[in-house]
Amino acid sequence: MREVAELLAALPTELWIGGEQTPALTGSTFPVHNPATGEVLIEVADAAAADGARALDAAAAAQSGWAATPSRLRAEILRRVWELVIARRDDFAMLMTLEMGKPLAESHGEVDYGAEFLRWFAEEAVRVHGRYTHSPSGNGRILVTKQPVGPTLAITPWNFPLAMGTRKIAPALAAGCTMVVKPAAETPLTMLLLGQVFADAGLPPGVLSILPTADAAPLTDPLFADDRLRKVTFTGSTGVGKILLAQSATRVLRASMELGGNAPFVVFADADIDAAVDGAMAAKMRNTGEACTAANRFHIDNAVRAEFTAKLTDRMRALKVGPGHLDGVQVGPLISEKQCGTVTELVRDATEKGALVATGGARIAGEGYFFEPTVLTEVPAEARILREEVFGPVAAITGFDGEAEGIIAADNTEFGLAAYIYTTDLNRALRVAEALEAGMVGVNRGVISDVAAPFGGVKESGLGREAGTEGIEEYLETKYIALP
């Protein structure tokens, strides 16, 4: 692995448009910060409306040619990108740790996970199927084909800088769509390096553009209004998602939205408590708790609540917090000063309303945006932390009595992305998993994301699915051709 200074010096910092690096037309740049120190890592080009127009021009010009490219050739390009990302695994991992803060071991894990979408959809590119059948009335034949939706805008979040990009880019390109990507302002570096890898792999000019910006609306608003854009895909907060859905409605754009979560972690009285605590640590502390699938509300049967709480508290208290590049660090900084403030306020609100702090509970003094791994007990129903996504290393524990009460508590949210249950009763596992209002349910598992499984939520957690065999369908239109 190269030294950090050398890595940053070689990093692309301009926009990717037409397969090439290009400065923003205004010449503007914006800083990217290291959340472990608050210091500026590097400046990158700041795209504006005119740059968005250039990128959409390129995408529209390339669309017909890319759609007509044999699926096998599209697949081979994605496969080459997968190989190049894996070859630069250390560089990608270090960049993510620098700009997002996660421990280096987790960054390496994200490279493996994020790259796998490239390989998976390289394989799915050649498996897009239609159908041919006779009309039941006998007066004709039915031919159903799949065609690419067309130029797509992808807006990606900061918490998984590589994987949230590849989970959108790979199926879009596999389906034959061109794409413009607007990465999060906090973490554009990983996506800019990915743009270099796509160029090195021989992706035709215009098929993929990458436009970092510090101010999204002036860049994206004109794109929503342009009739050449056919789809938007977004991962982020429900509040922003609703704004983008309203914008999409004006032109009836295809939209897929992976939005906020408020995942319940339900432990029944018959659960293996040690296994449940292991799962809780994975579900809560992956990515320092900054994940939409992170367990947010811990609903524990009162018969085992004391045991679970004591064991989880011991595990949380033992975690090593620090800059992600240091050996042995398990919990990195939060992404920003603002996020530290949000977590602090949610903990304060809970304790003022009667919650008890079993461990942690405060921001760590010094440089960077670090917060103590925290366990709150006796959290009252009116506490905001049970209704709002905390996006930090805080576990809020409440009790329940009996299966029916546990299900009601788990479903008591407008969100429905992920849920986790622990039980040794197979019938209960299936019964509860079917009853929970969530797009994904982990049964005796604390990590559920899988490239081969559909990812997405219900209620206010989004529309559509990513990954799995379902992921490519989001970028395909269904056409019916009536034959005599």
Protein backbone atom coordinates (compact mmCIF):
# COMPACT_ATOMS: atom_id res chain seq x y z
CA MET A 1 0.00 0.00 0.00
CA ARG A 2 1.35 3.38 -0.99
CA GLU A 3 1.84 6.12 1.53
CA VAL A 4 -1.19 8.36 2.05
CA ALA A 5 0.47 11.43 0.54
CA GLU A 6 1.41 9.51 -2.58
CA LEU A 7 -2.09 8.08 -2.87
CA LEU A 8 -3.72 11.51 -2.61
CA ALA A 9 -1.22 13.03 -5.04
CA ALA A 10 -2.13 10.47 -7.70
CA LEU A 11 -5.88 10.64 -7.08
CA PRO A 12 -8.20 12.06 -9.76
CA THR A 13 -9.71 15.26 -8.39
CA GLU A 14 -11.61 16.60 -11.40
CA LEU A 15 -14.98 15.62 -12.87
CA TRP A 16 -15.36 12.51 -15.02
CA ILE A 17 -17.30 13.43 -18.18
CA GLY A 18 -17.03 11.69 -21.54
CA GLY A 19 -14.53 9.22 -20.15
CA GLU A 20 -12.04 11.95 -19.25
CA GLN A 21 -11.13 14.13 -16.32
CA THR A 22 -12.24 17.71 -16.72
CA PRO A 23 -12.34 20.70 -14.36
CA ALA A 24 -15.65 22.26 -13.41
CA LEU A 25 -16.54 24.99 -15.91
CA THR A 26 -16.54 27.54 -13.08
CA GLY A 27 -13.13 26.34 -11.92
CA SER A 28 -14.56 25.89 -8.43
CA THR A 29 -13.37 23.27 -5.96
CA PHE A 30 -14.40 22.19 -2.47
CA PRO A 31 -12.51 20.53 0.39
CA VAL A 32 -12.84 16.93 1.57
CA HIS A 33 -12.17 16.47 5.29
CA ASN A 34 -10.78 13.66 7.39
CA PRO A 35 -13.40 13.07 10.14
CA ALA A 36 -10.75 11.65 12.46
CA THR A 37 -8.99 15.03 12.60
CA GLY A 38 -11.27 17.57 10.92
CA GLU A 39 -8.38 18.48 8.62
CA VAL A 40 -8.67 18.97 4.86
CA LEU A 41 -7.43 15.98 2.87
CA ILE A 42 -7.67 17.43 -0.62
CA GLU A 43 -9.74 19.73 -2.86
CA VAL A 44 -11.90 18.32 -5.67
CA ALA A 45 -13.79 19.89 -8.56
CA ASP A 46 -17.20 21.31 -7.67
CA ALA A 47 -19.74 20.58 -10.41
CA ALA A 48 -22.52 23.02 -11.25
CA ALA A 49 -25.51 23.06 -13.62
CA ALA A 50 -23.45 23.52 -16.77
CA ASP A 51 -21.32 20.50 -15.87
CA GLY A 52 -24.48 18.46 -15.32
CA ALA A 53 -25.64 19.44 -18.78
CA ARG A 54 -22.32 18.31 -20.24
CA ALA A 55 -22.60 14.98 -18.47
CA LEU A 56 -26.19 14.39 -19.60
CA ASP A 57 -25.19 15.39 -23.15
CA ALA A 58 -22.53 12.68 -23.03
CA ALA A 59 -24.90 10.12 -21.50
CA ALA A 60 -27.62 10.79 -24.08
CA ALA A 61 -25.15 10.61 -26.96
CA ALA A 62 -23.76 7.30 -25.70
CA GLN A 63 -27.10 5.70 -24.79
CA SER A 64 -28.08 4.08 -28.10
CA GLY A 65 -24.62 2.69 -28.72
CA TRP A 66 -24.30 1.30 -25.21
CA ALA A 67 -27.77 -0.26 -25.33
CA ALA A 68 -26.84 -1.92 -28.63
CA THR A 69 -23.55 -3.24 -27.26
CA PRO A 70 -23.82 -7.03 -26.89
CA SER A 71 -24.53 -7.97 -23.30
CA ARG A 72 -21.45 -10.19 -23.28
CA LEU A 73 -19.23 -7.19 -24.02
CA ARG A 74 -20.92 -5.10 -21.33
CA ALA A 75 -20.35 -8.00 -18.96
CA GLU A 76 -16.67 -8.27 -19.84
CA ILE A 77 -16.12 -4.58 -19.08
CA LEU A 78 -17.78 -4.95 -15.68
CA ARG A 79 -15.68 -8.02 -15.03
CA ARG A 80 -12.49 -6.07 -15.85
CA VAL A 81 -13.55 -3.30 -13.48
CA TRP A 82 -14.05 -5.90 -10.73
CA GLU A 83 -10.54 -7.23 -11.33
CA LEU A 84 -9.02 -3.73 -11.24
CA VAL A 85 -10.85 -2.75 -8.05
CA ILE A 86 -9.59 -5.91 -6.33
CA ALA A 87 -6.07 -5.20 -7.61
CA ARG A 88 -6.27 -1.75 -5.97
CA ARG A 89 -7.98 -3.02 -2.84
CA ASP A 90 -5.57 -1.33 -0.44
CA ASP A 91 -5.89 2.05 -2.16
CA PHE A 92 -9.69 1.97 -2.11
CA ALA A 93 -9.71 0.88 1.52
CA MET A 94 -7.36 3.62 2.66
CA LEU A 95 -9.35 6.27 0.78
CA MET A 96 -12.57 5.21 2.48
CA THR A 97 -10.94 5.26 5.90
CA LEU A 98 -9.51 8.71 5.23
CA GLU A 99 -12.67 10.36 3.94
CA MET A 100 -15.37 8.46 5.85
CA GLY A 101 -13.54 7.31 8.99
CA LYS A 102 -14.41 3.62 9.23
CA PRO A 103 -11.73 1.26 10.56
CA LEU A 104 -9.39 -0.02 7.88
CA ALA A 105 -10.52 -3.62 8.36
CA GLU A 106 -14.10 -2.56 7.60
CA SER A 107 -12.92 -0.58 4.58
CA HIS A 108 -11.24 -3.68 3.20
CA GLY A 109 -14.49 -5.52 3.77
CA GLU A 110 -16.39 -2.88 1.84
CA VAL A 111 -14.00 -3.16 -1.10
CA ASP A 112 -14.71 -6.88 -1.29
CA TYR A 113 -18.46 -6.35 -0.87
CA GLY A 114 -18.70 -3.38 -3.22
CA ALA A 115 -16.59 -5.00 -5.92
CA GLU A 116 -18.80 -8.07 -5.83
CA PHE A 117 -21.69 -6.08 -7.35
CA LEU A 118 -19.51 -5.58 -10.42
CA ARG A 119 -18.91 -9.30 -10.76
CA TRP A 120 -22.51 -10.26 -9.92
CA PHE A 121 -24.07 -7.93 -12.49
CA ALA A 122 -21.48 -8.85 -15.08
CA GLU A 123 -23.04 -12.29 -14.77
CA GLU A 124 -26.61 -10.95 -14.73
CA ALA A 125 -26.05 -8.85 -17.87
CA VAL A 126 -26.37 -11.94 -20.08
CA ARG A 127 -29.47 -13.25 -18.23
CA VAL A 128 -32.06 -10.61 -19.12
CA HIS A 129 -35.04 -12.59 -20.38
CA GLY A 130 -38.36 -11.88 -22.09
CA ARG A 131 -41.06 -14.36 -23.05
CA TYR A 132 -43.04 -15.60 -26.03
CA THR A 133 -46.46 -17.20 -25.79
CA HIS A 134 -49.81 -17.59 -27.50
CA SER A 135 -52.73 -15.40 -26.49
CA PRO A 136 -55.31 -17.43 -24.52
CA SER A 137 -57.98 -16.26 -26.96
CA GLY A 138 -56.07 -17.84 -29.83
CA ASN A 139 -56.10 -14.66 -31.93
CA GLY A 140 -52.42 -13.78 -31.68
CA ARG A 141 -49.06 -14.17 -30.09
CA ILE A 142 -47.46 -12.28 -27.21
CA LEU A 143 -43.82 -11.25 -27.33
CA VAL A 144 -42.40 -9.55 -24.20
CA THR A 145 -38.96 -7.96 -24.33
CA LYS A 146 -36.80 -6.00 -21.92
CA GLN A 147 -35.06 -2.78 -22.89
CA PRO A 148 -32.84 -0.37 -20.94
CA VAL A 149 -34.65 2.51 -19.27
CA GLY A 150 -32.10 5.02 -20.55
CA PRO A 151 -29.93 7.76 -19.04
CA THR A 152 -30.02 7.54 -15.24
CA LEU A 153 -29.03 9.84 -12.40
CA ALA A 154 -27.59 8.12 -9.33
CA ILE A 155 -27.22 9.99 -6.03
CA THR A 156 -25.12 8.08 -3.52
CA PRO A 157 -24.56 8.51 0.25
CA TRP A 158 -21.40 8.98 2.28
CA ASN A 159 -21.55 5.95 4.58
CA PHE A 160 -20.51 3.29 2.02
CA PRO A 161 -18.58 5.31 -0.57
CA LEU A 162 -17.79 2.36 -2.87
CA ALA A 163 -20.58 -0.16 -2.37
CA MET A 164 -23.47 2.28 -2.69
CA GLY A 165 -22.01 3.34 -6.03
CA THR A 166 -21.30 -0.10 -7.45
CA ARG A 167 -24.72 -1.37 -6.32
CA LYS A 168 -26.27 1.21 -8.69
CA ILE A 169 -23.67 1.54 -11.45
CA ALA A 170 -23.20 -2.17 -12.09
CA PRO A 171 -26.86 -3.09 -12.78
CA ALA A 172 -27.46 0.08 -14.78
CA LEU A 173 -24.51 -0.57 -17.08
CA ALA A 174 -25.32 -4.29 -17.27
CA ALA A 175 -28.85 -3.42 -18.41
CA GLY A 176 -27.55 -1.04 -21.10
CA CYS A 177 -28.22 2.29 -19.35
CA THR A 178 -25.83 5.20 -19.24
CA MET A 179 -25.43 6.92 -15.88
CA VAL A 180 -24.48 10.20 -14.21
CA VAL A 181 -23.36 9.78 -10.58
CA LYS A 182 -23.49 12.51 -7.94
CA PRO A 183 -21.50 11.17 -4.95
CA ALA A 184 -21.91 12.56 -1.44
CA ALA A 185 -19.96 15.75 -0.81
CA GLU A 186 -18.38 14.20 2.28
CA THR A 187 -16.91 11.21 0.42
CA PRO A 188 -16.26 11.84 -3.29
CA LEU A 189 -12.70 10.48 -3.41
CA THR A 190 -13.56 6.79 -3.62
CA MET A 191 -15.99 7.41 -6.49
CA LEU A 192 -13.44 9.52 -8.39
CA LEU A 193 -10.95 6.67 -8.15
CA LEU A 194 -13.65 4.29 -9.37
CA GLY A 195 -14.11 6.54 -12.39
CA GLN A 196 -10.42 6.09 -13.17
CA VAL A 197 -10.82 2.32 -12.95
CA PHE A 198 -13.79 2.34 -15.35
CA ALA A 199 -11.76 4.39 -17.81
CA ASP A 200 -8.82 2.00 -17.47
CA ALA A 201 -11.19 -0.93 -18.14
CA GLY A 202 -12.19 0.52 -21.49
CA LEU A 203 -15.71 1.77 -20.76
CA PRO A 204 -16.85 3.81 -23.79
CA PRO A 205 -16.86 7.60 -23.31
CA GLY A 206 -20.09 9.06 -21.99
CA VAL A 207 -21.47 5.86 -20.48
CA LEU A 208 -20.52 6.93 -16.94
CA SER A 209 -19.96 10.43 -15.59
CA ILE A 210 -19.08 11.35 -12.00
CA LEU A 211 -19.90 14.82 -10.70
CA PRO A 212 -18.91 15.69 -7.11
CA THR A 213 -20.41 18.87 -5.75
CA ALA A 214 -20.75 20.67 -2.45
CA ASP A 215 -24.25 21.92 -3.37
CA ALA A 216 -26.45 19.25 -4.93
CA ALA A 217 -29.65 21.08 -5.86
CA PRO A 218 -28.19 23.53 -8.44
CA LEU A 219 -26.60 20.53 -10.17
CA THR A 220 -29.45 18.02 -10.00
CA ASP A 221 -32.54 20.23 -10.37
CA PRO A 222 -31.90 20.95 -14.08
CA LEU A 223 -31.25 17.25 -14.69
CA PHE A 224 -34.69 16.34 -13.31
CA ALA A 225 -36.23 18.87 -15.70
CA ASP A 226 -34.38 17.53 -18.78
CA ASP A 227 -36.54 15.14 -20.81
CA ARG A 228 -33.50 13.04 -21.73
CA LEU A 229 -33.17 11.79 -18.15
CA ARG A 230 -35.30 8.65 -17.72
CA LYS A 231 -34.59 7.46 -14.18
CA VAL A 232 -33.26 8.48 -10.78
CA THR A 233 -31.86 6.16 -8.13
CA PHE A 234 -31.12 7.51 -4.66
CA THR A 235 -29.82 6.24 -1.34
CA GLY A 236 -30.14 8.58 1.61
CA SER A 237 -32.58 10.07 4.09
CA THR A 238 -36.34 9.75 3.75
CA GLY A 239 -36.69 13.53 3.89
CA VAL A 240 -34.49 14.07 0.84
CA GLY A 241 -36.04 11.05 -0.87
CA LYS A 242 -39.50 12.63 -0.64
CA ILE A 243 -38.18 15.79 -2.28
CA LEU A 244 -36.64 13.78 -5.11
CA LEU A 245 -39.85 11.76 -5.56
CA ALA A 246 -41.79 15.01 -5.89
CA GLN A 247 -39.32 16.20 -8.52
CA SER A 248 -39.56 12.86 -10.30
CA ALA A 249 -43.33 13.11 -10.42
CA THR A 250 -43.26 16.22 -12.60
CA ARG A 251 -41.92 14.14 -15.48
CA VAL A 252 -43.01 10.69 -14.22
CA LEU A 253 -39.40 9.56 -13.99
CA ARG A 254 -38.69 5.99 -13.01
CA ALA A 255 -37.45 6.18 -9.41
CA SER A 256 -35.89 3.74 -6.99
CA MET A 257 -35.31 4.95 -3.45
CA GLU A 258 -33.36 3.29 -0.63
CA LEU A 259 -34.25 5.55 2.27
CA GLY A 260 -33.98 5.76 6.05
CA GLY A 261 -34.28 2.95 8.54
CA ASN A 262 -35.14 2.45 12.19
CA ALA A 263 -34.35 -1.23 12.53
CA PRO A 264 -35.72 -3.16 15.51
CA PHE A 265 -33.61 -5.89 17.11
CA VAL A 266 -36.01 -8.25 18.86
CA VAL A 267 -34.76 -10.87 21.31
CA PHE A 268 -37.28 -13.43 22.54
CA ALA A 269 -37.07 -15.28 25.84
CA ASP A 270 -36.01 -18.54 24.18
CA ALA A 271 -33.08 -16.96 22.30
CA ASP A 272 -29.44 -17.96 22.66
CA ILE A 273 -28.39 -14.79 24.49
CA ASP A 274 -24.68 -15.05 23.71
CA ALA A 275 -25.50 -15.43 20.02
CA ALA A 276 -27.95 -12.53 20.27
CA VAL A 277 -25.27 -10.30 21.77
CA ASP A 278 -22.85 -11.26 18.99
CA GLY A 279 -25.54 -10.39 16.46
CA ALA A 280 -26.34 -7.15 18.22
CA MET A 281 -22.72 -6.03 18.05
CA ALA A 282 -22.64 -6.72 14.31
CA ALA A 283 -26.01 -5.14 13.63
CA LYS A 284 -25.31 -2.06 15.74
CA MET A 285 -21.60 -1.36 15.39
CA ARG A 286 -20.86 -2.14 11.76
CA ASN A 287 -19.68 1.12 10.19
CA THR A 288 -19.71 2.80 13.65
CA GLY A 289 -23.48 2.51 13.56
CA GLU A 290 -23.69 4.71 10.46
CA ALA A 291 -25.67 2.27 8.33
CA CYS A 292 -29.30 2.34 7.23
CA THR A 293 -29.59 -1.31 8.28
CA ALA A 294 -28.07 -0.67 11.73
CA ALA A 295 -30.10 -1.93 14.68
CA ASN A 296 -31.57 1.16 16.30
CA ARG A 297 -34.19 -0.10 18.81
CA PHE A 298 -33.40 -3.12 20.98
CA HIS A 299 -36.64 -4.75 22.09
CA ILE A 300 -35.71 -7.47 24.60
CA ASP A 301 -38.13 -9.85 26.32
CA ASN A 302 -38.19 -8.85 29.98
CA ALA A 303 -37.37 -12.42 30.99
CA VAL A 304 -33.87 -12.08 29.49
CA ARG A 305 -33.44 -8.31 29.35
CA ALA A 306 -31.08 -8.02 32.34
CA GLU A 307 -28.75 -10.73 31.02
CA PHE A 308 -28.72 -9.33 27.49
CA THR A 309 -28.15 -5.77 28.70
CA ALA A 310 -25.25 -6.71 30.96
CA LYS A 311 -23.47 -8.70 28.25
CA LEU A 312 -24.04 -6.09 25.55
CA THR A 313 -22.80 -3.34 27.88
CA ASP A 314 -19.58 -5.26 28.60
CA ARG A 315 -18.95 -5.73 24.89
CA MET A 316 -19.64 -2.10 24.00
CA ARG A 317 -17.45 -0.82 26.83
CA ALA A 318 -14.51 -2.92 25.59
CA LEU A 319 -14.49 -1.48 22.05
CA LYS A 320 -11.41 0.47 20.99
CA VAL A 321 -12.22 3.89 19.53
CA GLY A 322 -9.81 5.90 17.39
CA PRO A 323 -8.68 6.92 13.89
CA GLY A 324 -9.56 4.11 11.51
CA HIS A 325 -6.06 3.56 10.15
CA LEU A 326 -4.59 2.63 13.57
CA ASP A 327 -4.11 -1.02 14.49
CA GLY A 328 -6.79 -2.53 16.65
CA VAL A 329 -9.32 0.28 16.23
CA GLN A 330 -12.88 -1.05 16.09
CA VAL A 331 -14.87 2.20 16.12
CA GLY A 332 -13.94 5.20 14.02
CA PRO A 333 -15.21 8.78 14.06
CA LEU A 334 -18.66 9.89 13.00
CA ILE A 335 -18.75 11.61 9.64
CA SER A 336 -19.06 15.23 10.79
CA GLU A 337 -19.52 17.75 13.56
CA LYS A 338 -23.21 17.88 12.63
CA GLN A 339 -23.64 14.13 13.05
CA CYS A 340 -21.91 14.23 16.42
CA GLY A 341 -24.38 16.89 17.44
CA THR A 342 -27.34 14.80 16.27
CA VAL A 343 -26.22 11.75 18.26
CA THR A 344 -25.50 13.88 21.33
CA GLU A 345 -28.96 15.46 21.17
CA LEU A 346 -30.75 12.11 20.82
CA VAL A 347 -28.91 10.72 23.86
CA ARG A 348 -29.61 13.88 25.85
CA ASP A 349 -33.32 13.73 24.98
CA ALA A 350 -33.54 10.09 26.05
CA THR A 351 -31.82 10.62 29.40
CA GLU A 352 -33.88 13.71 30.18
CA LYS A 353 -36.98 11.56 29.66
CA GLY A 354 -35.75 8.86 32.02
CA ALA A 355 -33.34 6.59 30.14
CA LEU A 356 -30.28 5.36 32.03
CA VAL A 357 -26.75 5.29 30.61
CA ALA A 358 -25.18 1.86 31.11
CA THR A 359 -21.98 2.85 29.30
CA GLY A 360 -20.74 5.75 27.20
CA GLY A 361 -23.19 8.53 26.53
CA ALA A 362 -20.92 11.38 25.47
CA ARG A 363 -18.73 12.77 22.75
CA ILE A 364 -15.04 12.08 23.20
CA ALA A 365 -12.99 15.24 23.76
CA GLY A 366 -10.22 16.16 21.34
CA GLU A 367 -9.87 16.45 17.58
CA GLY A 368 -12.18 14.61 15.24
CA TYR A 369 -15.80 13.53 15.61
CA PHE A 370 -15.72 10.62 18.03
CA PHE A 371 -18.61 9.42 20.20
CA GLU A 372 -18.44 6.79 22.94
CA PRO A 373 -20.04 3.41 22.24
CA THR A 374 -23.22 3.79 24.27
CA VAL A 375 -25.92 1.60 25.81
CA LEU A 376 -29.12 3.23 27.08
CA THR A 377 -31.54 1.24 29.24
CA GLU A 378 -35.09 1.88 30.44
CA VAL A 379 -35.65 4.02 27.33
CA PRO A 380 -39.18 5.45 27.49
CA ALA A 381 -41.56 5.20 24.55
CA GLU A 382 -41.60 8.98 24.08
CA ALA A 383 -37.82 9.25 23.57
CA ARG A 384 -36.88 10.51 20.12
CA ILE A 385 -34.18 7.87 19.77
CA LEU A 386 -36.91 5.21 19.38
CA ARG A 387 -38.50 7.15 16.51
CA GLU A 388 -35.51 8.67 14.74
CA GLU A 389 -32.55 7.01 13.04
CA VAL A 390 -29.58 7.60 15.34
CA PHE A 391 -26.80 6.78 12.80
CA GLY A 392 -24.21 6.37 15.52
CA PRO A 393 -22.84 3.92 18.13
CA VAL A 394 -25.84 4.02 20.48
CA ALA A 395 -28.02 1.04 21.46
CA ALA A 396 -31.38 1.95 23.02
CA ILE A 397 -32.91 -0.92 25.01
CA THR A 398 -36.56 -1.40 25.96
CA GLY A 399 -38.47 -4.41 27.29
CA PHE A 400 -41.57 -6.33 26.25
CA ASP A 401 -43.62 -9.31 27.42
CA GLY A 402 -44.63 -11.99 24.95
CA GLU A 403 -44.46 -12.41 21.19
CA ALA A 404 -47.43 -10.25 20.26
CA GLU A 405 -46.11 -7.30 22.25
CA GLY A 406 -42.66 -7.71 20.69
CA ILE A 407 -44.10 -7.56 17.17
CA ILE A 408 -46.16 -4.48 17.96
CA ALA A 409 -43.11 -2.71 19.40
CA ALA A 410 -40.95 -3.63 16.41
CA ASP A 411 -43.52 -2.37 13.87
CA ASN A 412 -44.17 0.88 15.74
CA THR A 413 -42.34 3.05 13.21
CA GLU A 414 -43.00 4.66 9.84
CA PHE A 415 -39.83 2.99 8.54
CA GLY A 416 -39.49 -0.56 7.27
CA LEU A 417 -36.04 -1.31 5.91
CA ALA A 418 -34.44 -4.01 8.08
CA ALA A 419 -35.38 -5.95 11.20
CA TYR A 420 -33.60 -8.57 13.31
CA ILE A 421 -35.04 -11.33 15.47
CA TYR A 422 -33.41 -13.87 17.76
CA THR A 423 -35.22 -17.06 18.76
CA THR A 424 -34.51 -20.79 18.82
CA ASP A 425 -38.10 -21.63 17.83
CA LEU A 426 -38.33 -22.16 14.05
CA ASN A 427 -42.09 -21.67 13.95
CA ARG A 428 -41.77 -18.40 15.87
CA ALA A 429 -38.96 -17.27 13.56
CA LEU A 430 -41.12 -17.74 10.47
CA ARG A 431 -44.25 -16.36 12.12
CA VAL A 432 -42.55 -13.19 13.34
CA ALA A 433 -40.52 -12.66 10.15
CA GLU A 434 -43.76 -12.75 8.15
CA ALA A 435 -45.49 -10.36 10.55
CA LEU A 436 -42.76 -7.71 10.66
CA GLU A 437 -43.25 -4.71 8.37
CA ALA A 438 -39.75 -4.68 6.89
CA GLY A 439 -38.25 -5.37 3.50
CA MET A 440 -35.47 -7.49 5.03
CA VAL A 441 -35.48 -9.63 8.16
CA GLY A 442 -32.44 -11.23 9.73
CA VAL A 443 -33.22 -14.40 11.71
CA ASN A 444 -30.42 -15.12 14.18
CA ARG A 445 -28.14 -13.00 11.99
CA GLY A 446 -26.73 -9.54 12.65
CA VAL A 447 -25.57 -8.82 9.09
CA ILE A 448 -28.02 -9.39 6.26
CA SER A 449 -26.67 -7.58 3.18
CA ASP A 450 -25.82 -9.99 0.37
CA VAL A 451 -25.08 -9.25 -3.26
CA ALA A 452 -27.34 -12.14 -4.29
CA ALA A 453 -30.33 -10.94 -2.23
CA PRO A 454 -32.77 -8.07 -2.91
CA PHE A 455 -32.03 -5.01 -0.76
CA GLY A 456 -34.77 -2.50 0.01
CA GLY A 457 -37.57 -1.48 2.31
CA VAL A 458 -41.29 -0.87 2.72
CA LYS A 459 -43.32 2.03 4.13
CA GLU A 460 -41.15 5.18 4.28
CA SER A 461 -37.92 3.24 3.76
CA GLY A 462 -38.15 3.30 0.01
CA LEU A 463 -39.23 1.96 -3.34
CA GLY A 464 -37.65 -0.75 -5.47
CA ARG A 465 -34.88 -3.23 -4.80
CA GLU A 466 -31.14 -3.31 -5.36
CA ALA A 467 -28.87 -6.37 -5.76
CA GLY A 468 -30.03 -9.92 -6.29
CA THR A 469 -31.71 -10.98 -9.51
CA GLU A 470 -34.20 -8.17 -8.86
CA GLY A 471 -31.61 -5.38 -9.02
CA ILE A 472 -31.22 -5.24 -12.79
CA GLU A 473 -35.00 -5.02 -13.29
CA GLU A 474 -34.94 -1.47 -11.89
CA TYR A 475 -33.07 -0.42 -15.05
CA LEU A 476 -35.22 -2.28 -17.58
CA GLU A 477 -38.50 -1.40 -19.27
CA THR A 478 -40.94 -4.14 -20.25
CA LYS A 479 -42.24 -3.93 -23.83
CA TYR A 480 -45.14 -6.00 -25.16
CA ILE A 481 -45.23 -6.68 -28.88
CA ALA A 482 -48.54 -8.01 -30.24
CA LEU A 483 -48.12 -10.47 -33.12
CA PRO A 484 -50.78 -11.89 -35.40
